Amino acid sequence: MIYLDYNATTPVLPEVKEAILPFLVEEWGNPSSSYRFGSKLKSVLERARESVAELVGARSSREIIFTSGGTESNNAAIHSAILSRPEKRHIITSQVEHSSVLTYCRFLEKHHNYKVTYLPVDREGLISLQDMEDAMSEDTVVVSLMWANNETGVLFPIDEIGARCKKRNVLFHCDGVQVVGKIPLTLKHASIDYLSLTGHKLGAVKGCGALYVQRNASFIPFCHGGHQEKGRRGGTESVPLLVGLGVAAEVARKKVFDYEAKVRPLRDFFEKKVFEAYPDSELNGHHLLRLPNTSNFHFPLVSAEALLLLLDREGIYASSGSACLADSPDPSHVIAAMKVGLASSQSIRFSIGTKTTKDELETTADFLKKGISTLISI
């Protein structure tokens, strides 16, 4: 198997698997219990929270709320922002956001009469800061923009976006799902009110994540219930999953400064091989301002779906876009927004991990050449 879809999910780390087993078999109590068998797990959860806080460079672990993953974190952040300032009815986001942001914004437009501005992107996948400034008004409650695009890896200028939001007294939510663990973060020095992350992009188990809420930002619960998460998210905590998230965060924090040096040369090697194999291919996204592990190619005259099927038969796994929209018949909204008129159904994303080898990438490039030649000749 050659797995080249690390932006979709990552394998569970051995350290995570080992850490969670006792909490599945032996330490299975409820952390909210008053007796020691359950209540002692509160300290276990707090250690995991501290690990996540250290990974993102928060001031305190109190700024971390555990969630079920990136989708809930994104929804919870926007929900909290709009309820904390109910008099304001305008949201700014972009056309290339994750479906969890776009779908919730459309829901708010349709059912709650919010006005949403969807910022366009240029052919390299970048927004215009001037467009954002022009869209802001006294009625703007929150700007919700991703740090790195999940399909192209393109990086938005988050520091500048945060600074401009702060200057205009507009809340800023950042979808950080794709950057956590890939680039060093120091949120205590950033103008970010809310940042979302998920565990399964870090080698933790699916179903756990977190939302960073800056200490001075208001927070209104999205999920109501008991007193868990200091009253900020109801529901019994999944101790095994959150222990795993904490361990994955610890591993990521130790390796994050070496991540780019390890994966970028592999990605650049792969891109060179792909261009040699099919010179007519084109990179989707900014050549420099993107994640060090992500390559998204446009293959003219080639159906991405057909090519992915050929790759699948060879045990090579990539994708045409977000895994959350894999069952959708529509082509990538990200590529469509970047390159109006271009067939977005002809693009494939390859995202590598630290375990990816040069041999795997060379094998993939060689097969791409064969596969593309086969499809063009049909």
Protein backbone atom coordinates (compact mmCIF):
# COMPACT_ATOMS: atom_id res chain seq x y z
CA MET A 1 0.00 0.00 0.00
CA ILE A 2 1.16 3.52 -0.87
CA TYR A 3 -0.87 5.99 1.17
CA LEU A 4 -0.74 9.59 -0.08
CA ASP A 5 -3.84 11.10 1.54
CA TYR A 6 -2.55 12.32 4.91
CA ASN A 7 -4.69 15.47 4.69
CA ALA A 8 -7.74 13.20 4.87
CA THR A 9 -6.58 11.21 7.89
CA THR A 10 -3.50 9.67 9.43
CA PRO A 11 -2.72 6.25 10.90
CA VAL A 12 -3.07 5.90 14.66
CA LEU A 13 0.34 6.30 16.29
CA PRO A 14 1.72 3.30 18.20
CA GLU A 15 2.14 5.56 21.24
CA VAL A 16 -1.54 6.51 21.03
CA LYS A 17 -2.71 2.91 20.73
CA GLU A 18 -0.66 1.90 23.78
CA ALA A 19 -1.85 4.87 25.83
CA ILE A 20 -5.58 4.40 25.26
CA LEU A 21 -5.85 0.66 25.91
CA PRO A 22 -5.96 0.90 29.76
CA PHE A 23 -8.85 3.36 29.47
CA LEU A 24 -10.81 0.96 27.30
CA VAL A 25 -10.33 -2.08 29.54
CA GLU A 26 -9.39 -1.12 33.10
CA GLU A 27 -9.94 2.59 33.75
CA TRP A 28 -13.44 2.82 32.26
CA GLY A 29 -15.08 5.04 34.87
CA ASN A 30 -17.05 8.23 34.30
CA PRO A 31 -14.91 11.34 35.01
CA SER A 32 -17.96 13.15 36.39
CA SER A 33 -18.50 10.56 39.13
CA SER A 34 -17.98 11.59 42.74
CA TYR A 35 -16.18 8.36 43.68
CA ARG A 36 -12.49 7.91 43.00
CA PHE A 37 -12.77 5.17 40.33
CA GLY A 38 -14.31 7.76 38.00
CA SER A 39 -13.22 11.10 39.39
CA LYS A 40 -9.51 10.28 39.19
CA LEU A 41 -9.86 10.42 35.41
CA LYS A 42 -10.34 14.19 35.64
CA SER A 43 -6.60 14.60 36.12
CA VAL A 44 -6.00 12.35 33.11
CA LEU A 45 -8.15 14.62 30.96
CA GLU A 46 -6.38 17.70 32.27
CA ARG A 47 -3.00 16.28 31.30
CA ALA A 48 -4.31 15.72 27.79
CA ARG A 49 -5.67 19.27 27.74
CA GLU A 50 -2.29 20.64 28.79
CA SER A 51 -0.59 18.72 25.98
CA VAL A 52 -2.93 20.21 23.39
CA ALA A 53 -2.42 23.69 24.86
CA GLU A 54 1.36 23.28 24.63
CA LEU A 55 1.16 22.09 21.02
CA VAL A 56 -0.73 25.20 19.86
CA GLY A 57 1.11 27.62 22.13
CA ALA A 58 -1.88 28.67 24.21
CA ARG A 59 -1.44 30.72 27.37
CA SER A 60 -3.27 28.16 29.46
CA SER A 61 -4.97 24.79 29.19
CA ARG A 62 -8.18 26.58 30.22
CA GLU A 63 -8.28 27.92 26.65
CA ILE A 64 -8.81 24.39 25.29
CA ILE A 65 -12.27 22.83 24.99
CA PHE A 66 -12.47 19.19 23.93
CA THR A 67 -14.86 18.38 21.07
CA SER A 68 -15.65 15.49 18.74
CA GLY A 69 -13.46 16.91 15.97
CA GLY A 70 -12.93 19.72 13.49
CA THR A 71 -16.51 19.93 12.28
CA GLU A 72 -17.93 20.44 15.75
CA SER A 73 -15.14 22.88 16.62
CA ASN A 74 -15.85 24.97 13.50
CA ASN A 75 -19.58 25.01 14.18
CA ALA A 76 -19.09 25.76 17.87
CA ALA A 77 -16.78 28.71 17.18
CA ILE A 78 -19.13 30.40 14.71
CA HIS A 79 -22.13 29.62 16.94
CA SER A 80 -20.44 31.20 19.94
CA ALA A 81 -19.36 34.27 18.00
CA ILE A 82 -22.80 35.10 16.64
CA LEU A 83 -24.62 34.48 19.94
CA SER A 84 -22.14 36.60 21.88
CA ARG A 85 -22.97 39.60 19.66
CA PRO A 86 -26.60 39.00 18.61
CA GLU A 87 -27.06 42.54 17.36
CA LYS A 88 -24.59 41.88 14.50
CA ARG A 89 -25.80 39.85 11.50
CA HIS A 90 -22.90 39.64 9.05
CA ILE A 91 -20.30 36.87 8.62
CA ILE A 92 -17.26 36.82 6.37
CA THR A 93 -15.74 33.58 5.12
CA SER A 94 -14.27 32.36 1.82
CA GLN A 95 -15.44 30.27 -1.11
CA VAL A 96 -12.83 27.59 -0.40
CA GLU A 97 -13.54 26.79 3.24
CA HIS A 98 -14.19 23.31 4.59
CA SER A 99 -17.77 22.09 4.16
CA SER A 100 -18.38 22.33 7.93
CA VAL A 101 -17.95 26.10 7.72
CA LEU A 102 -19.70 26.65 4.38
CA THR A 103 -22.70 24.46 5.22
CA TYR A 104 -23.23 26.10 8.60
CA CYS A 105 -22.98 29.58 7.07
CA ARG A 106 -25.56 28.66 4.44
CA PHE A 107 -27.80 27.31 7.19
CA LEU A 108 -27.54 30.64 9.03
CA GLU A 109 -28.36 32.51 5.82
CA LYS A 110 -31.41 30.40 5.05
CA HIS A 111 -32.91 29.91 8.49
CA HIS A 112 -31.69 32.84 10.59
CA ASN A 113 -31.37 35.67 8.06
CA TYR A 114 -27.65 36.22 8.44
CA LYS A 115 -25.78 37.88 5.60
CA VAL A 116 -22.63 35.98 4.59
CA THR A 117 -19.85 37.27 2.37
CA TYR A 118 -17.92 34.48 0.62
CA LEU A 119 -14.58 35.97 -0.36
CA PRO A 120 -13.28 34.85 -3.76
CA VAL A 121 -9.75 33.53 -4.31
CA ASP A 122 -7.35 34.11 -7.17
CA ARG A 123 -5.90 31.41 -9.44
CA GLU A 124 -3.31 30.59 -6.78
CA GLY A 125 -5.94 30.09 -4.10
CA LEU A 126 -5.27 33.29 -2.14
CA ILE A 127 -7.81 35.76 -0.84
CA SER A 128 -7.44 39.52 -1.16
CA LEU A 129 -7.04 41.27 2.18
CA GLN A 130 -8.52 44.35 0.56
CA ASP A 131 -11.62 42.36 -0.36
CA MET A 132 -11.92 41.35 3.29
CA GLU A 133 -11.50 44.95 4.47
CA ASP A 134 -14.08 46.17 1.97
CA ALA A 135 -16.55 43.52 3.11
CA MET A 136 -16.28 44.48 6.78
CA SER A 137 -18.93 46.71 8.29
CA GLU A 138 -20.31 47.68 11.67
CA ASP A 139 -22.61 44.66 11.32
CA THR A 140 -19.78 42.12 10.89
CA VAL A 141 -19.64 39.74 13.85
CA VAL A 142 -17.04 37.16 12.81
CA VAL A 143 -14.51 36.33 10.11
CA SER A 144 -14.05 32.58 9.67
CA LEU A 145 -11.07 31.63 7.49
CA MET A 146 -8.89 28.53 7.34
CA TRP A 147 -5.16 28.67 7.98
CA ALA A 148 -4.34 26.08 5.32
CA ASN A 149 -6.61 24.74 2.62
CA ASN A 150 -7.26 21.03 2.95
CA GLU A 151 -7.22 20.43 -0.82
CA THR A 152 -4.39 22.65 -2.08
CA GLY A 153 -2.43 23.33 1.10
CA VAL A 154 -2.51 27.07 0.34
CA LEU A 155 -1.77 29.18 3.42
CA PHE A 156 -3.79 32.28 4.19
CA PRO A 157 -1.99 35.27 5.84
CA ILE A 158 -3.48 34.56 9.24
CA ASP A 159 -1.39 37.06 11.21
CA GLU A 160 -2.51 39.92 8.99
CA ILE A 161 -6.11 38.72 8.93
CA GLY A 162 -6.15 38.53 12.73
CA ALA A 163 -4.61 41.98 13.08
CA ARG A 164 -7.19 43.54 10.79
CA CYS A 165 -10.06 41.82 12.57
CA LYS A 166 -8.77 43.04 15.93
CA LYS A 167 -8.45 46.58 14.64
CA ARG A 168 -12.09 46.50 13.50
CA ASN A 169 -13.32 44.74 16.68
CA VAL A 170 -14.44 41.70 14.67
CA LEU A 171 -14.10 38.21 16.12
CA PHE A 172 -11.78 35.88 14.21
CA HIS A 173 -12.23 32.14 13.93
CA CYS A 174 -9.50 30.12 12.23
CA ASP A 175 -9.94 26.56 10.99
CA GLY A 176 -6.49 25.22 11.92
CA VAL A 177 -7.21 21.55 11.27
CA GLN A 178 -4.57 21.18 8.56
CA VAL A 179 -1.75 23.19 10.17
CA VAL A 180 -1.66 21.82 13.72
CA GLY A 181 1.36 19.56 13.93
CA LYS A 182 2.69 20.70 10.55
CA ILE A 183 3.86 24.20 11.40
CA PRO A 184 4.80 25.62 14.83
CA LEU A 185 2.01 27.65 16.45
CA THR A 186 2.13 30.24 19.21
CA LEU A 187 -1.47 31.27 19.67
CA LYS A 188 -0.75 33.33 22.77
CA HIS A 189 0.90 35.87 20.47
CA ALA A 190 -1.75 35.68 17.72
CA SER A 191 -4.89 37.75 17.15
CA ILE A 192 -7.08 34.65 16.92
CA ASP A 193 -10.20 34.29 19.06
CA TYR A 194 -11.05 30.69 18.13
CA LEU A 195 -8.99 27.95 16.46
CA SER A 196 -10.25 24.48 15.52
CA LEU A 197 -8.24 21.26 15.44
CA THR A 198 -8.92 17.54 15.16
CA GLY A 199 -7.13 14.47 16.45
CA HIS A 200 -7.15 12.17 13.45
CA LYS A 201 -4.88 14.49 11.46
CA LEU A 202 -2.26 14.02 14.21
CA GLY A 203 -2.25 10.27 14.63
CA ALA A 204 -5.03 10.15 17.22
CA VAL A 205 -8.29 8.22 16.87
CA LYS A 206 -11.17 9.69 14.87
CA GLY A 207 -13.89 11.31 16.95
CA CYS A 208 -11.87 13.71 19.11
CA GLY A 209 -10.72 17.27 18.64
CA ALA A 210 -10.47 20.60 20.37
CA LEU A 211 -11.38 24.24 20.11
CA TYR A 212 -8.99 26.93 21.32
CA VAL A 213 -10.87 29.87 22.80
CA GLN A 214 -8.66 32.86 23.53
CA ARG A 215 -8.96 33.78 27.21
CA ASN A 216 -10.70 37.11 26.53
CA ALA A 217 -13.06 35.76 23.88
CA SER A 218 -16.60 34.98 24.94
CA PHE A 219 -17.87 31.44 24.60
CA ILE A 220 -21.45 30.22 24.52
CA PRO A 221 -21.87 26.42 24.48
CA PHE A 222 -22.85 24.76 21.23
CA CYS A 223 -23.61 21.41 22.88
CA HIS A 224 -25.74 21.75 26.03
CA GLY A 225 -25.98 19.15 28.76
CA GLY A 226 -24.09 18.62 31.98
CA HIS A 227 -21.24 20.50 33.61
CA GLN A 228 -18.47 18.84 31.62
CA GLU A 229 -15.67 20.97 30.13
CA LYS A 230 -16.36 23.52 32.87
CA GLY A 231 -19.87 23.99 31.53
CA ARG A 232 -18.69 24.73 27.99
CA ARG A 233 -19.64 21.41 26.35
CA GLY A 234 -22.15 18.96 27.73
CA GLY A 235 -21.70 15.22 27.42
CA THR A 236 -19.58 12.54 29.06
CA GLU A 237 -16.01 12.85 27.84
CA SER A 238 -14.53 10.03 25.78
CA VAL A 239 -11.54 9.44 28.03
CA PRO A 240 -9.74 6.93 25.75
CA LEU A 241 -9.97 9.16 22.70
CA LEU A 242 -8.91 12.28 24.57
CA VAL A 243 -5.99 10.50 26.20
CA GLY A 244 -4.95 9.54 22.68
CA LEU A 245 -5.33 13.13 21.53
CA GLY A 246 -3.06 14.28 24.35
CA VAL A 247 -0.39 11.73 23.45
CA ALA A 248 -0.61 12.62 19.75
CA ALA A 249 -0.21 16.29 20.69
CA GLU A 250 2.91 15.49 22.72
CA VAL A 251 4.43 13.56 19.82
CA ALA A 252 3.56 16.32 17.34
CA ARG A 253 5.02 19.05 19.57
CA LYS A 254 8.37 17.24 19.68
CA LYS A 255 8.48 16.79 15.91
CA VAL A 256 6.80 19.91 14.53
CA PHE A 257 10.00 21.91 14.10
CA ASP A 258 11.49 19.12 11.97
CA TYR A 259 8.32 18.41 10.00
CA GLU A 260 8.94 20.79 7.09
CA ALA A 261 12.59 19.81 6.71
CA LYS A 262 11.52 16.19 6.43
CA VAL A 263 8.51 16.34 4.14
CA ARG A 264 9.12 19.34 1.86
CA PRO A 265 12.08 17.75 0.01
CA LEU A 266 9.95 14.65 -0.58
CA ARG A 267 7.06 16.73 -1.89
CA ASP A 268 9.36 18.72 -4.20
CA PHE A 269 10.92 15.49 -5.47
CA PHE A 270 7.48 14.09 -6.21
CA GLU A 271 6.33 17.21 -8.04
CA LYS A 272 9.43 17.14 -10.21
CA LYS A 273 8.74 13.50 -11.09
CA VAL A 274 5.09 14.22 -11.90
CA PHE A 275 5.98 17.11 -14.20
CA GLU A 276 8.51 14.90 -15.94
CA ALA A 277 5.91 12.16 -16.33
CA TYR A 278 3.22 14.49 -17.66
CA PRO A 279 4.58 17.93 -18.67
CA ASP A 280 1.09 19.27 -19.35
CA SER A 281 0.09 18.89 -15.71
CA GLU A 282 -0.35 22.04 -13.64
CA LEU A 283 -0.02 22.70 -9.92
CA ASN A 284 -3.17 23.99 -8.24
CA GLY A 285 -2.23 26.51 -5.57
CA HIS A 286 0.55 28.91 -4.74
CA HIS A 287 3.99 27.39 -5.33
CA LEU A 288 5.44 28.72 -2.07
CA LEU A 289 2.58 29.70 0.25
CA ARG A 290 1.31 26.22 1.02
CA LEU A 291 1.80 23.31 3.36
CA PRO A 292 5.07 21.44 2.89
CA ASN A 293 3.27 18.11 2.39
CA THR A 294 0.56 18.95 -0.15
CA SER A 295 0.48 18.79 -3.96
CA ASN A 296 -2.68 19.25 -6.00
CA PHE A 297 -2.34 18.63 -9.73
CA HIS A 298 -4.56 19.46 -12.66
CA PHE A 299 -4.26 16.80 -15.35
CA PRO A 300 -5.73 18.14 -18.62
CA LEU A 301 -7.79 15.68 -20.69
CA VAL A 302 -7.85 13.18 -17.80
CA SER A 303 -10.75 12.28 -15.53
CA ALA A 304 -9.59 12.43 -11.93
CA GLU A 305 -12.13 9.79 -10.96
CA ALA A 306 -10.86 7.37 -13.59
CA LEU A 307 -7.24 7.99 -12.69
CA LEU A 308 -7.94 7.50 -9.00
CA LEU A 309 -9.60 4.17 -9.78
CA LEU A 310 -6.47 3.05 -11.65
CA LEU A 311 -4.31 4.17 -8.72
CA ASP A 312 -6.59 2.34 -6.31
CA ARG A 313 -6.16 -0.91 -8.24
CA GLU A 314 -2.40 -0.56 -7.77
CA GLY A 315 -2.77 0.07 -4.03
CA ILE A 316 -1.96 3.77 -4.35
CA TYR A 317 -4.32 6.02 -2.41
CA ALA A 318 -4.90 9.71 -3.14
CA SER A 319 -8.05 11.84 -3.51
CA SER A 320 -9.76 14.45 -5.63
CA GLY A 321 -10.52 16.66 -2.65
CA SER A 322 -11.96 16.68 0.83
CA ALA A 323 -12.85 13.26 2.26
CA CYS A 324 -15.97 14.86 3.77
CA LEU A 325 -17.32 15.43 0.26
CA ALA A 326 -16.08 12.21 -1.34
CA ASP A 327 -19.64 10.95 -1.91
CA SER A 328 -20.72 14.19 -3.58
CA PRO A 329 -21.22 14.07 -7.36
CA ASP A 330 -20.03 17.67 -7.63
CA PRO A 331 -16.41 18.52 -8.52
CA SER A 332 -14.15 20.29 -6.04
CA HIS A 333 -15.55 23.66 -4.98
CA VAL A 334 -12.01 24.74 -4.13
CA ILE A 335 -10.57 24.23 -7.61
CA ALA A 336 -13.74 25.64 -9.18
CA ALA A 337 -13.35 28.83 -7.13
CA MET A 338 -9.66 29.16 -8.00
CA LYS A 339 -9.90 28.50 -11.73
CA VAL A 340 -13.27 29.50 -13.10
CA GLY A 341 -13.98 27.60 -16.29
CA LEU A 342 -11.33 24.96 -15.64
CA ALA A 343 -12.54 21.37 -15.34
CA SER A 344 -12.16 20.85 -11.60
CA SER A 345 -12.96 17.18 -12.10
CA GLN A 346 -9.46 16.77 -13.55
CA SER A 347 -7.53 17.48 -10.34
CA ILE A 348 -6.01 15.14 -7.75
CA ARG A 349 -4.56 15.87 -4.31
CA PHE A 350 -1.53 14.05 -2.98
CA SER A 351 -0.61 14.68 0.65
CA ILE A 352 2.37 12.93 2.18
CA GLY A 353 3.43 12.07 5.72
CA THR A 354 6.67 11.67 7.60
CA LYS A 355 6.65 7.92 6.86
CA THR A 356 6.33 8.41 3.11
CA THR A 357 9.41 7.25 1.19
CA LYS A 358 11.09 8.42 -1.97
CA ASP A 359 10.59 4.99 -3.52
CA GLU A 360 6.85 5.22 -2.93
CA LEU A 361 6.70 8.62 -4.59
CA GLU A 362 8.77 7.47 -7.56
CA THR A 363 6.56 4.42 -7.98
CA THR A 364 3.47 6.67 -7.90
CA ALA A 365 4.90 9.06 -10.49
CA ASP A 366 5.79 6.15 -12.77
CA PHE A 367 2.31 4.74 -12.54
CA LEU A 368 0.75 8.15 -13.12
CA LYS A 369 2.60 8.31 -16.42
CA LYS A 370 1.22 4.92 -17.44
CA GLY A 371 -2.26 5.61 -16.17
CA ILE A 372 -2.57 9.00 -17.84
CA SER A 373 -1.27 7.58 -21.12
CA THR A 374 -3.88 4.80 -20.92
CA LEU A 375 -6.75 7.19 -20.25
CA ILE A 376 -5.77 9.66 -22.98
CA SER A 377 -5.55 6.87 -25.55
CA ILE A 378 -9.06 5.60 -24.80
